[in-house]
Amino acid sequence: MIKRNKASISKCILHKVGNKFNSTKNAFSEQPIDFEEISYDLMLPYLLRPFTSLAESYRFNHHSNVDLNEINSYASQLLQDDTNFVDISKHIVTHLFEQSNSSQIKTGDVIVCMFHDIQYEDYQTDAIGIFKIENKSHFFQTYLEKGSYDIVAQKGIATKKVDKGVLILNAADAEGKIVLSVDNNNYDAQYWIKSFLNIKYPDDSNQHTKNYIEMCRDFSKEIMQPQFGGQQQSNFLAKTVDFFKENEIVNVETFKEEVFDEEDTIQLFEDYKKVYESDHNIVLRNQFDVSEVVLKKQKQKIKTEIKLDTNIQIKLDVDAPDASAEYLERGYDEEKKMHFYKVFFNEEA
């Protein structure tokens, strides 16, 4: 995540990107935007706000040499010397245009900016920003004509959120430049992240924590729930979150010992983990540091609900891993020929 308290824009330009699939063409500006004060004061936070709450970063990727990654190359040129800012910004839009390989890829406005004094971690740095605005909002404009006020409907860019954006920092680690990306119109997961930017997650605690919790969530959905029921599924998820909360370092062997009660379930988990790694082309580490920021974000995605076919749902607290086993009892009613849950409590909250 970044802080934008002292950030500024030195150069900014707007182009139009088309879609080669439906024969709409690009339209280029020849000069950077000359902001009025009120426009500048709205534009700066509008562009940078999405990046102030991001927990995860990316690094550029390429099958042979990362220096050949197009956006990495263009960003490096601009961060070194912005003399050719306009021409390079056109190349960026052309590269984006070349990724429009289906009719669902939207046309839109593309903004390219040079930022200064963005705070990342404990230092300030420059950055290149690329933003695509795909959706316009209707608004009413009032005007005075012949002594009376009238209203006309117009369409423009809403200042609430960016549709797609990337911030390429003039900062790097052993894996390359630090890249932050947002995509609020995620109709094609490959288009922005893979095709246009060609970026990947770095090999760090953020990624390890994310990978492992996502694997556990999928295991609970595909194995635990069908074979053991919603109560065991929710109990597993609650224990998983609790283990990550209580341990700064995750050791997979310790995790299995504390989360699973039965050896057969451990074997199911190990078998699923191997298939998951192969299907997702990742390696799940046997030991890694826990990222608290990612844990908090992933926890919000975990749903510990038991949905019944009688239009009743039982919601369990993911922060109380023992509550399900202690206060929820599953059984079978021979008279009604139906399963049931018995819930114990002292009083209604």
Protein backbone atom coordinates (compact mmCIF):
# COMPACT_ATOMS: atom_id res chain seq x y z
CA MET A 1 0.00 0.00 0.00
CA ILE A 2 1.02 3.61 -0.49
CA LYS A 3 0.47 7.01 1.11
CA ARG A 4 -0.33 9.97 -1.13
CA ASN A 5 -0.01 12.89 1.33
CA LYS A 6 2.92 14.48 -0.52
CA ALA A 7 2.32 12.95 -3.95
CA SER A 8 2.14 15.09 -7.08
CA ILE A 9 1.61 14.71 -10.84
CA SER A 10 4.24 16.20 -13.14
CA LYS A 11 2.86 14.92 -16.47
CA CYS A 12 -0.47 13.43 -17.44
CA ILE A 13 -2.01 12.60 -20.81
CA LEU A 14 -5.28 11.08 -21.97
CA HIS A 15 -5.77 8.87 -25.03
CA LYS A 16 -8.64 6.73 -26.33
CA VAL A 17 -8.15 2.99 -26.79
CA GLY A 18 -10.24 1.02 -29.27
CA ASN A 19 -10.85 -2.68 -29.83
CA LYS A 20 -9.35 -4.36 -32.88
CA PHE A 21 -11.94 -7.14 -32.60
CA ASN A 22 -14.77 -4.76 -33.50
CA SER A 23 -12.66 -2.35 -35.60
CA THR A 24 -12.78 0.65 -33.25
CA LYS A 25 -9.53 2.59 -33.43
CA ASN A 26 -7.26 4.42 -31.03
CA ALA A 27 -7.30 8.23 -30.78
CA PHE A 28 -4.19 9.94 -29.46
CA SER A 29 -3.54 13.28 -27.77
CA GLU A 30 -0.49 15.25 -28.83
CA GLN A 31 -0.02 17.26 -25.63
CA PRO A 32 -0.19 16.47 -21.91
CA ILE A 33 -3.17 17.75 -19.92
CA ASP A 34 -2.87 21.31 -18.64
CA PHE A 35 -4.82 21.01 -15.40
CA GLU A 36 -6.89 23.71 -13.82
CA GLU A 37 -6.45 23.74 -10.04
CA ILE A 38 -9.87 22.22 -9.30
CA SER A 39 -9.38 19.43 -11.88
CA TYR A 40 -5.92 18.62 -10.52
CA ASP A 41 -7.20 18.50 -6.94
CA LEU A 42 -9.84 15.97 -8.00
CA MET A 43 -7.64 13.91 -10.34
CA LEU A 44 -4.75 13.22 -7.96
CA PRO A 45 -6.76 11.45 -5.22
CA TYR A 46 -9.04 9.80 -7.80
CA LEU A 47 -6.08 8.04 -9.42
CA LEU A 48 -4.12 7.14 -6.29
CA ARG A 49 -6.88 6.31 -3.79
CA PRO A 50 -7.30 2.66 -4.96
CA PHE A 51 -3.67 1.88 -4.11
CA THR A 52 -3.76 3.11 -0.51
CA SER A 53 -5.42 -0.07 0.77
CA LEU A 54 -3.72 -2.75 -1.35
CA ALA A 55 -2.03 -5.52 0.62
CA GLU A 56 -0.36 -7.33 -2.26
CA SER A 57 2.11 -6.26 -4.90
CA TYR A 58 3.28 -7.80 -8.18
CA ARG A 59 6.48 -8.11 -10.21
CA PHE A 60 6.91 -8.06 -13.99
CA ASN A 61 7.11 -11.37 -15.78
CA HIS A 62 8.35 -12.61 -19.17
CA HIS A 63 8.97 -16.08 -20.58
CA SER A 64 12.58 -15.34 -21.54
CA ASN A 65 13.81 -11.99 -20.19
CA VAL A 66 11.85 -9.61 -17.97
CA ASP A 67 13.55 -6.64 -19.65
CA LEU A 68 11.53 -7.56 -22.75
CA ASN A 69 8.25 -7.08 -20.90
CA GLU A 70 6.66 -4.16 -22.79
CA ILE A 71 5.23 -2.21 -19.86
CA ASN A 72 8.36 -2.80 -17.80
CA SER A 73 10.42 -1.41 -20.67
CA TYR A 74 8.21 1.66 -21.21
CA ALA A 75 8.07 2.43 -17.48
CA SER A 76 11.86 2.12 -17.17
CA GLN A 77 12.35 4.57 -20.03
CA LEU A 78 9.98 7.13 -18.49
CA LEU A 79 11.43 6.80 -14.98
CA GLN A 80 14.90 7.39 -16.40
CA ASP A 81 14.03 10.23 -18.79
CA ASP A 82 10.53 11.58 -19.47
CA THR A 83 11.53 13.62 -22.55
CA ASN A 84 9.56 11.28 -24.84
CA PHE A 85 6.58 11.07 -22.49
CA VAL A 86 3.93 11.63 -25.18
CA ASP A 87 5.37 9.10 -27.66
CA ILE A 88 5.89 6.41 -25.02
CA SER A 89 2.37 6.93 -23.69
CA LYS A 90 1.09 6.24 -27.22
CA HIS A 91 3.12 3.02 -27.33
CA ILE A 92 1.50 1.97 -24.04
CA VAL A 93 -1.99 2.50 -25.50
CA THR A 94 -1.05 0.63 -28.68
CA HIS A 95 0.16 -2.30 -26.59
CA LEU A 96 -3.13 -2.25 -24.66
CA PHE A 97 -5.04 -2.18 -27.97
CA GLU A 98 -3.18 -5.26 -29.18
CA GLN A 99 -4.54 -7.25 -26.22
CA SER A 100 -8.18 -6.69 -27.24
CA ASN A 101 -8.78 -10.12 -28.69
CA SER A 102 -12.51 -10.45 -27.98
CA SER A 103 -15.64 -8.36 -28.27
CA GLN A 104 -16.06 -8.17 -24.49
CA ILE A 105 -12.90 -6.08 -24.10
CA LYS A 106 -14.19 -2.55 -23.56
CA THR A 107 -12.99 0.59 -25.27
CA GLY A 108 -12.30 3.59 -23.06
CA ASP A 109 -10.09 6.43 -21.93
CA VAL A 110 -6.48 5.71 -20.99
CA ILE A 111 -4.63 8.05 -18.65
CA VAL A 112 -0.84 7.86 -18.31
CA CYS A 113 0.77 9.84 -15.48
CA MET A 114 4.13 10.51 -13.90
CA PHE A 115 3.90 10.75 -10.11
CA HIS A 116 6.42 12.03 -7.60
CA ASP A 117 6.87 11.64 -3.83
CA ILE A 118 4.62 8.62 -3.38
CA GLN A 119 5.34 7.01 -0.03
CA TYR A 120 5.83 3.25 -0.15
CA GLU A 121 6.77 1.57 3.12
CA ASP A 122 9.27 3.97 4.75
CA TYR A 123 10.53 5.90 1.71
CA GLN A 124 9.28 8.18 -1.06
CA THR A 125 9.58 7.36 -4.73
CA ASP A 126 8.44 8.27 -8.24
CA ALA A 127 6.00 6.12 -10.18
CA ILE A 128 4.32 5.62 -13.54
CA GLY A 129 0.56 5.25 -13.48
CA ILE A 130 -1.59 3.76 -16.25
CA PHE A 131 -5.38 3.88 -15.89
CA LYS A 132 -8.22 2.70 -18.07
CA ILE A 133 -11.68 4.21 -17.64
CA GLU A 134 -14.24 1.88 -19.17
CA ASN A 135 -17.52 3.10 -17.71
CA LYS A 136 -19.00 6.58 -17.87
CA SER A 137 -21.72 7.86 -15.54
CA HIS A 138 -24.70 10.03 -16.35
CA PHE A 139 -25.07 13.32 -14.47
CA PHE A 140 -27.28 16.40 -14.71
CA GLN A 141 -25.83 19.77 -15.66
CA THR A 142 -27.85 22.89 -14.90
CA TYR A 143 -27.54 26.07 -16.95
CA LEU A 144 -29.16 29.47 -17.28
CA GLU A 145 -30.82 30.44 -20.55
CA LYS A 146 -33.09 33.43 -21.20
CA GLY A 147 -33.65 34.06 -17.52
CA SER A 148 -34.60 30.48 -16.62
CA TYR A 149 -32.65 27.47 -15.43
CA ASP A 150 -32.72 24.27 -17.41
CA ILE A 151 -31.22 20.79 -17.04
CA VAL A 152 -29.34 18.68 -19.56
CA ALA A 153 -28.12 15.10 -19.08
CA GLN A 154 -24.43 14.53 -19.77
CA LYS A 155 -22.04 11.62 -19.47
CA GLY A 156 -18.63 11.71 -17.85
CA ILE A 157 -16.05 10.06 -15.59
CA ALA A 158 -17.21 9.42 -12.04
CA THR A 159 -14.58 10.28 -9.43
CA LYS A 160 -15.40 7.41 -7.06
CA LYS A 161 -13.24 4.59 -8.37
CA VAL A 162 -10.88 3.68 -11.20
CA ASP A 163 -11.96 0.80 -13.43
CA LYS A 164 -8.44 -0.47 -14.09
CA GLY A 165 -5.14 0.91 -12.91
CA VAL A 166 -1.51 0.08 -12.36
CA LEU A 167 1.19 1.91 -10.43
CA ILE A 168 4.79 1.05 -11.33
CA LEU A 169 7.10 2.29 -8.60
CA ASN A 170 10.66 3.42 -9.13
CA ALA A 171 11.57 0.90 -6.45
CA ALA A 172 12.60 -2.73 -6.68
CA ASP A 173 13.68 -5.77 -4.73
CA ALA A 174 15.49 -8.92 -5.80
CA GLU A 175 12.53 -9.90 -8.02
CA GLY A 176 12.20 -6.60 -9.87
CA LYS A 177 10.14 -3.41 -9.87
CA ILE A 178 7.28 -3.19 -7.39
CA VAL A 179 3.94 -3.06 -9.22
CA LEU A 180 0.50 -2.35 -7.72
CA SER A 181 -2.62 -3.14 -9.73
CA VAL A 182 -6.40 -2.78 -9.38
CA ASP A 183 -9.18 -4.11 -11.60
CA ASN A 184 -12.74 -3.23 -10.60
CA ASN A 185 -14.20 -4.44 -13.91
CA ASN A 186 -12.80 -7.94 -13.81
CA TYR A 187 -14.75 -9.36 -16.77
CA ASP A 188 -11.60 -11.00 -18.16
CA ALA A 189 -8.98 -11.99 -15.59
CA GLN A 190 -6.33 -12.51 -18.27
CA TYR A 191 -6.75 -9.22 -20.12
CA TRP A 192 -5.26 -6.70 -17.67
CA ILE A 193 -2.99 -8.76 -15.40
CA LYS A 194 -1.65 -11.37 -17.83
CA SER A 195 -1.96 -9.99 -21.35
CA PHE A 196 -1.37 -6.26 -20.89
CA LEU A 197 0.87 -6.06 -17.82
CA ASN A 198 2.22 -9.65 -17.68
CA ILE A 199 2.80 -9.51 -13.93
CA LYS A 200 2.96 -12.15 -11.23
CA TYR A 201 2.96 -12.31 -7.45
CA PRO A 202 6.38 -12.19 -5.80
CA ASP A 203 7.78 -15.04 -3.76
CA ASP A 204 7.03 -13.53 -0.33
CA SER A 205 4.94 -14.01 2.81
CA ASN A 206 1.96 -12.25 1.23
CA GLN A 207 1.81 -14.74 -1.60
CA HIS A 208 2.50 -17.80 0.56
CA THR A 209 -0.26 -16.82 3.01
CA LYS A 210 -2.71 -16.12 0.19
CA ASN A 211 -1.94 -19.38 -1.65
CA TYR A 212 -2.30 -21.56 1.42
CA ILE A 213 -5.54 -20.04 2.71
CA GLU A 214 -7.10 -20.15 -0.76
CA MET A 215 -6.12 -23.82 -1.04
CA CYS A 216 -7.69 -24.54 2.36
CA ARG A 217 -10.87 -22.71 1.36
CA ASP A 218 -11.16 -24.74 -1.84
CA PHE A 219 -10.42 -27.97 0.06
CA SER A 220 -13.23 -27.18 2.48
CA LYS A 221 -15.65 -26.60 -0.41
CA GLU A 222 -14.66 -29.52 -2.63
CA ILE A 223 -13.77 -32.20 -0.04
CA MET A 224 -14.91 -31.32 3.49
CA GLN A 225 -18.45 -30.18 2.74
CA PRO A 226 -19.46 -33.02 0.36
CA GLN A 227 -17.90 -35.78 2.48
CA PHE A 228 -18.34 -34.55 6.06
CA GLY A 229 -21.04 -31.87 5.94
CA GLY A 230 -21.28 -28.14 6.58
CA GLN A 231 -20.45 -28.34 10.30
CA GLN A 232 -17.10 -30.03 9.70
CA GLN A 233 -16.37 -27.71 6.80
CA SER A 234 -16.98 -24.61 8.93
CA ASN A 235 -15.03 -26.09 11.83
CA PHE A 236 -12.04 -26.71 9.54
CA LEU A 237 -12.13 -23.14 8.22
CA ALA A 238 -12.39 -21.67 11.72
CA LYS A 239 -9.44 -23.80 12.90
CA THR A 240 -7.44 -22.72 9.85
CA VAL A 241 -8.00 -19.02 10.56
CA ASP A 242 -7.25 -19.54 14.25
CA PHE A 243 -3.96 -21.31 13.45
CA PHE A 244 -2.84 -18.45 11.20
CA LYS A 245 -3.82 -15.90 13.85
CA GLU A 246 -1.93 -17.69 16.62
CA ASN A 247 1.28 -18.42 14.69
CA GLU A 248 3.72 -15.97 13.13
CA ILE A 249 5.24 -18.83 11.15
CA VAL A 250 3.20 -21.59 9.54
CA ASN A 251 4.71 -25.05 9.63
CA VAL A 252 2.55 -27.33 7.51
CA GLU A 253 3.16 -30.44 9.63
CA THR A 254 2.14 -28.59 12.79
CA PHE A 255 -0.86 -27.17 10.95
CA LYS A 256 -2.13 -30.64 10.03
CA GLU A 257 -1.63 -31.95 13.57
CA GLU A 258 -3.61 -29.11 15.13
CA VAL A 259 -6.39 -28.76 12.56
CA PHE A 260 -7.24 -32.38 11.75
CA ASP A 261 -8.37 -35.05 14.17
CA GLU A 262 -8.33 -38.06 11.85
CA GLU A 263 -5.41 -39.53 9.90
CA ASP A 264 -7.73 -40.27 6.97
CA THR A 265 -8.61 -36.58 6.68
CA ILE A 266 -4.93 -35.64 6.72
CA GLN A 267 -4.36 -38.00 3.80
CA LEU A 268 -7.26 -36.42 1.89
CA PHE A 269 -5.71 -33.00 2.55
CA GLU A 270 -2.26 -34.07 1.35
CA ASP A 271 -3.69 -35.64 -1.80
CA TYR A 272 -5.73 -32.53 -2.53
CA LYS A 273 -2.72 -30.26 -1.96
CA LYS A 274 -0.70 -32.13 -4.62
CA VAL A 275 -3.50 -31.83 -7.17
CA TYR A 276 -4.05 -28.16 -6.29
CA GLU A 277 -0.37 -27.34 -6.81
CA SER A 278 -0.41 -29.04 -10.20
CA ASP A 279 -3.69 -27.43 -11.33
CA HIS A 280 -2.66 -23.93 -10.25
CA ASN A 281 1.01 -24.25 -11.22
CA ILE A 282 2.24 -23.15 -7.79
CA VAL A 283 4.39 -24.57 -4.99
CA LEU A 284 2.93 -24.42 -1.49
CA ARG A 285 5.78 -24.01 0.97
CA ASN A 286 6.10 -26.31 3.98
CA GLN A 287 7.03 -23.34 6.15
CA PHE A 288 6.49 -19.60 5.70
CA ASP A 289 5.87 -16.36 7.56
CA VAL A 290 2.27 -15.26 8.02
CA SER A 291 1.23 -11.96 6.44
CA GLU A 292 -1.27 -10.35 8.85
CA VAL A 293 -2.52 -7.99 6.16
CA VAL A 294 -3.31 -10.83 3.76
CA LEU A 295 -4.80 -12.95 6.55
CA LYS A 296 -7.23 -10.15 7.39
CA LYS A 297 -8.20 -9.81 3.74
CA GLN A 298 -8.61 -13.55 3.17
CA LYS A 299 -10.59 -13.96 6.37
CA GLN A 300 -13.26 -11.64 4.96
CA LYS A 301 -13.70 -14.03 2.02
CA ILE A 302 -14.31 -17.08 4.21
CA LYS A 303 -17.97 -17.98 4.60
CA THR A 304 -18.75 -20.31 7.52
CA GLU A 305 -22.42 -20.92 6.82
CA ILE A 306 -24.38 -24.14 6.80
CA LYS A 307 -27.06 -23.85 4.12
CA LEU A 308 -29.96 -26.29 4.46
CA ASP A 309 -32.54 -27.34 1.87
CA THR A 310 -35.32 -26.16 4.22
CA ASN A 311 -34.43 -22.49 3.58
CA ILE A 312 -32.57 -22.21 6.88
CA GLN A 313 -28.98 -21.08 7.26
CA ILE A 314 -26.74 -21.46 10.31
CA LYS A 315 -23.95 -18.91 10.44
CA LEU A 316 -20.88 -19.79 12.49
CA ASP A 317 -18.28 -17.38 13.84
CA VAL A 318 -14.97 -17.98 12.06
CA ASP A 319 -13.17 -16.50 15.09
CA ALA A 320 -14.60 -19.17 17.43
CA PRO A 321 -13.23 -22.51 16.19
CA ASP A 322 -14.45 -24.51 19.23
CA ALA A 323 -18.02 -23.21 19.21
CA SER A 324 -19.22 -25.53 16.45
CA ALA A 325 -18.04 -28.72 18.19
CA GLU A 326 -19.22 -27.59 21.63
CA TYR A 327 -22.60 -25.98 20.93
CA LEU A 328 -23.79 -27.53 17.65
CA GLU A 329 -24.96 -31.12 17.42
CA ARG A 330 -25.91 -32.96 14.22
CA GLY A 331 -28.33 -35.90 14.23
CA TYR A 332 -30.99 -37.85 12.37
CA ASP A 333 -34.71 -38.00 13.21
CA GLU A 334 -36.09 -41.47 12.43
CA GLU A 335 -39.71 -40.31 12.60
CA LYS A 336 -39.32 -37.45 10.13
CA LYS A 337 -36.57 -39.20 8.19
CA MET A 338 -34.58 -35.97 8.16
CA HIS A 339 -31.25 -34.73 9.47
CA PHE A 340 -31.25 -32.02 12.13
CA TYR A 341 -28.96 -29.61 13.98
CA LYS A 342 -29.37 -28.97 17.71
CA VAL A 343 -28.01 -25.58 18.88
CA PHE A 344 -27.17 -24.95 22.57
CA PHE A 345 -27.20 -21.41 24.04
CA ASN A 346 -27.90 -19.53 27.27
CA GLU A 347 -29.85 -16.60 25.87
CA GLU A 348 -30.55 -14.87 22.59
CA ALA A 349 -28.22 -12.01 21.79
